[in-house]
Protein backbone atom coordinates (compact mmCIF):
# COMPACT_ATOMS: atom_id res chain seq x y z
CA MET A 1 -46.40 -17.40 64.81
CA THR A 2 -47.47 -20.88 64.00
CA ILE A 3 -45.53 -23.64 62.36
CA ALA A 4 -47.77 -23.60 59.28
CA THR A 5 -47.03 -19.92 58.61
CA ALA A 6 -43.25 -20.50 58.87
CA VAL A 7 -43.43 -23.41 56.38
CA CYS A 8 -45.32 -21.29 53.83
CA ARG A 9 -42.70 -18.56 54.07
CA GLN A 10 -39.90 -21.11 53.51
CA ARG A 11 -41.64 -22.52 50.44
CA GLY A 12 -41.69 -19.04 48.87
CA ALA A 13 -37.99 -18.51 49.64
CA SER A 14 -37.09 -21.88 48.10
CA ALA A 15 -38.93 -21.01 44.90
CA LEU A 16 -37.15 -17.65 44.71
CA ILE A 17 -33.70 -19.24 45.19
CA ALA A 18 -34.48 -21.93 42.60
CA LEU A 19 -35.60 -19.21 40.14
CA ILE A 20 -32.35 -17.26 40.67
CA PHE A 21 -30.25 -20.38 40.03
CA LEU A 22 -32.34 -21.16 36.95
CA VAL A 23 -31.63 -17.66 35.56
CA ILE A 24 -27.89 -18.06 36.26
CA VAL A 25 -27.77 -21.47 34.53
CA ALA A 26 -29.73 -20.08 31.55
CA PHE A 27 -27.25 -17.17 31.29
CA VAL A 28 -24.27 -19.55 31.33
CA VAL A 29 -25.84 -21.78 28.66
CA LEU A 30 -26.72 -18.77 26.48
CA THR A 31 -23.18 -17.39 26.79
CA ALA A 32 -21.66 -20.76 25.86
CA TYR A 33 -23.98 -20.98 22.83
CA ARG A 34 -23.04 -17.50 21.62
CA LEU A 35 -19.32 -18.15 22.10
CA SER A 36 -19.49 -21.40 20.15
CA GLY A 37 -21.20 -19.55 17.29
CA GLN A 38 -18.49 -16.91 17.32
CA GLN A 39 -15.77 -19.58 17.31
CA LEU A 40 -17.43 -21.22 14.30
CA ALA A 41 -17.53 -17.89 12.46
CA LEU A 42 -13.86 -17.24 13.30
CA ALA A 43 -12.89 -20.68 12.01
CA GLY A 44 -14.83 -20.08 8.79
CA ASN A 45 -13.14 -16.70 8.29
CA ALA A 46 -9.72 -18.24 8.87
CA GLN A 47 -10.50 -20.96 6.35
CA SER A 48 -11.67 -18.41 3.74
CA ARG A 49 -8.52 -16.36 4.30
CA ALA A 50 -6.34 -19.47 3.94
CA HIS A 51 -8.09 -20.37 0.66
CA MET A 52 -7.61 -16.89 -0.74
CA LEU A 53 -3.99 -16.73 0.38
CA ALA A 54 -3.31 -20.07 -1.31
CA ALA A 55 -5.11 -18.90 -4.47
CA ALA A 56 -3.15 -15.63 -4.60
CA ASN A 57 0.16 -17.44 -4.03
CA PHE A 58 -0.78 -19.96 -6.75
CA ALA A 59 -1.47 -17.13 -9.19
CA ILE A 60 1.86 -15.48 -8.37
CA GLU A 61 3.70 -18.80 -8.82
CA GLN A 62 1.96 -19.34 -12.17
CA THR A 63 2.98 -15.84 -13.21
CA ILE A 64 6.65 -16.05 -12.26
CA SER A 65 6.99 -19.58 -13.66
CA GLY A 66 6.52 -18.34 -17.20
CA VAL A 67 8.28 -15.74 -19.29
CA ASP A 68 5.24 -13.56 -20.01
CA PHE A 69 5.59 -11.31 -16.97
CA LEU A 70 9.07 -10.34 -18.19
CA ARG A 71 8.17 -9.98 -21.87
CA THR A 72 4.67 -8.48 -21.66
CA PRO A 73 3.73 -7.36 -18.13
CA ALA A 74 0.51 -5.67 -19.32
CA THR A 75 -0.81 -8.95 -20.75
CA VAL A 76 -0.19 -10.68 -17.42
CA ALA A 77 -2.14 -7.99 -15.58
CA ALA A 78 -5.07 -8.25 -18.00
CA THR A 79 -5.49 -12.03 -17.64
CA PRO A 80 -7.19 -13.32 -14.46
CA VAL A 81 -6.02 -16.66 -13.07
CA GLY A 82 -8.77 -19.15 -12.18
CA VAL A 83 -8.19 -21.30 -9.10
CA ASP A 84 -10.09 -24.47 -8.19
CA ILE A 85 -10.05 -24.68 -4.38
CA ASP A 86 -12.27 -27.71 -3.79
CA GLY A 87 -10.96 -29.90 -6.63
CA ASN A 88 -14.26 -30.24 -8.50
CA GLY A 89 -12.83 -29.02 -11.82
CA ALA A 90 -14.54 -25.61 -11.75
CA ASP A 91 -12.75 -22.40 -10.83
CA ASP A 92 -13.90 -21.19 -7.40
CA LEU A 93 -11.85 -17.99 -7.29
CA ASN A 94 -10.57 -15.61 -9.94
CA VAL A 95 -7.33 -14.00 -8.94
CA THR A 96 -6.26 -10.76 -10.58
CA VAL A 97 -2.53 -10.30 -10.93
CA GLY A 98 -1.48 -6.66 -10.88
CA LEU A 99 0.89 -5.11 -13.37
CA PRO A 100 4.32 -6.61 -12.56
CA GLY A 101 6.69 -3.80 -11.75
CA CYS A 102 10.45 -3.99 -12.16
CA TYR A 103 12.12 -1.74 -9.63
CA ARG A 104 15.79 -2.67 -9.91
CA LEU A 105 18.06 -3.76 -12.75
CA ARG A 106 21.74 -4.62 -12.62
CA VAL A 107 23.83 -5.84 -15.54
CA VAL A 108 25.81 -8.90 -14.46
CA PRO A 109 29.59 -8.43 -14.80
CA LEU A 110 31.46 -11.22 -16.59
CA ALA A 111 33.67 -11.64 -13.51
CA GLU A 112 30.65 -12.96 -11.53
CA LEU A 113 29.86 -15.72 -14.02
CA ASP A 114 31.10 -19.32 -14.12
CA ASP A 115 31.13 -20.82 -17.65
CA ARG A 116 30.65 -24.35 -16.21
CA ARG A 117 27.11 -23.51 -15.08
CA ALA A 118 24.50 -23.66 -17.85
CA GLY A 119 22.76 -20.42 -16.90
CA ASP A 120 26.01 -18.52 -16.59
CA ALA A 121 27.32 -19.94 -19.89
CA ALA A 122 24.20 -18.59 -21.63
CA CYS A 123 24.93 -15.13 -20.20
CA ILE A 124 28.45 -15.28 -21.60
CA SER A 125 27.55 -16.62 -25.06
CA GLY A 126 24.16 -14.92 -25.43
CA VAL A 127 22.39 -18.16 -26.36
CA GLY A 128 19.96 -19.82 -23.97
CA PRO A 129 17.51 -22.70 -24.20
CA ALA A 130 14.28 -22.13 -26.16
CA GLY A 131 11.71 -20.24 -24.11
CA SER A 132 14.28 -19.36 -21.49
CA ILE A 133 13.90 -16.16 -19.54
CA LEU A 134 17.61 -16.25 -18.91
CA VAL A 135 18.52 -15.21 -22.42
CA LEU A 136 15.59 -14.63 -24.74
CA GLY A 137 17.05 -15.90 -27.96
CA GLY A 138 20.29 -14.05 -27.33
CA GLY A 139 18.70 -10.73 -28.37
CA GLY A 140 20.83 -8.76 -25.95
CA GLY A 141 23.21 -7.66 -28.66
CA ALA A 142 26.82 -6.86 -28.05
CA ALA A 143 27.57 -5.58 -24.59
CA PRO A 144 28.75 -1.97 -24.73
CA ASN A 145 31.25 -2.71 -21.98
CA PRO A 146 33.51 -5.73 -22.55
CA ASN A 147 33.31 -6.54 -18.83
CA GLU A 148 29.49 -6.87 -18.90
CA SER A 149 27.54 -10.01 -19.81
CA GLN A 150 24.38 -10.44 -21.88
CA CYS A 151 22.32 -10.85 -18.68
CA ALA A 152 20.88 -8.58 -16.07
CA ASP A 153 19.55 -9.33 -12.61
CA SER A 154 16.14 -7.72 -12.29
CA GLU A 155 13.89 -7.43 -9.25
CA TRP A 156 10.12 -7.34 -9.61
CA ASN A 157 7.10 -6.76 -7.42
CA ILE A 158 4.07 -8.85 -8.33
CA SER A 159 0.73 -8.45 -6.57
CA ALA A 160 -2.29 -10.72 -6.70
CA ALA A 161 -5.79 -9.86 -5.46
CA ALA A 162 -8.19 -12.69 -4.65
CA ALA A 163 -11.87 -12.15 -3.90
CA ASP A 164 -14.48 -14.73 -2.94
CA PRO A 165 -17.90 -13.79 -4.36
CA VAL A 166 -19.67 -16.18 -1.97
CA THR A 167 -18.24 -14.92 1.33
CA GLY A 168 -17.31 -11.41 0.22
CA ALA A 169 -13.78 -11.83 1.59
CA ALA A 170 -10.84 -10.23 -0.24
CA LEU A 171 -7.08 -10.46 0.08
CA THR A 172 -4.08 -8.94 -1.71
CA VAL A 173 -0.60 -10.49 -1.67
CA ASN A 174 2.62 -8.79 -2.77
CA GLN A 175 5.63 -10.88 -3.73
CA GLY A 176 9.12 -9.83 -4.68
CA VAL A 177 11.00 -11.93 -7.21
CA ALA A 178 14.49 -11.71 -8.67
CA VAL A 179 14.98 -12.85 -12.26
CA ARG A 180 18.11 -13.14 -14.36
CA ALA A 181 17.15 -12.31 -17.91
CA ASP A 182 18.37 -10.89 -21.18
CA ARG A 183 19.65 -7.41 -20.40
CA VAL A 184 17.79 -5.66 -23.23
CA GLU A 185 14.48 -7.47 -22.57
CA ALA A 186 14.70 -6.70 -18.85
CA ALA A 187 15.65 -3.08 -19.52
CA ASN A 188 12.64 -2.64 -21.84
CA ASN A 189 10.23 -3.36 -18.97
CA CYS A 190 12.16 -2.01 -16.02
CA ILE A 191 11.95 1.49 -14.55
């Protein structure tokens, strides 16, 4: 064997080793590229979920902040709540609030009330501030039991479903809320 033949064989081996390393480096780069794309998609999904969760919670807060869910639950369920996520003045998401459901009602005994607190005084006298959900105009009538007040503690389940038409993502949130209200008004809409 001559020296020239040995050098030619080594040149072929060097090219083969370089090609193997090139394939390995290309595989590592391709894997890193795919993982970065997946991370970007995961971050986008998390952001969409956070937006929808915030929108659903906003709709629930809007609902329980007013008296309509106690007086007319069906109207609340029929009215979607528009939410502006990006602050441009246009609603980005429409959130649908489900039919609020009252699942527990308890008439408040007079012994639990303190007449020095405004809300408790309204339960004793039957007169609350205008628009109050505590005592709706004092319409509770006379309590059949002299130990019972004009108020009842009611517990409600309110659900809100948010859907993003752009991303196709959807989310439903359920929230429990306790409300002290006029006993007759609460009883009219409670199970």
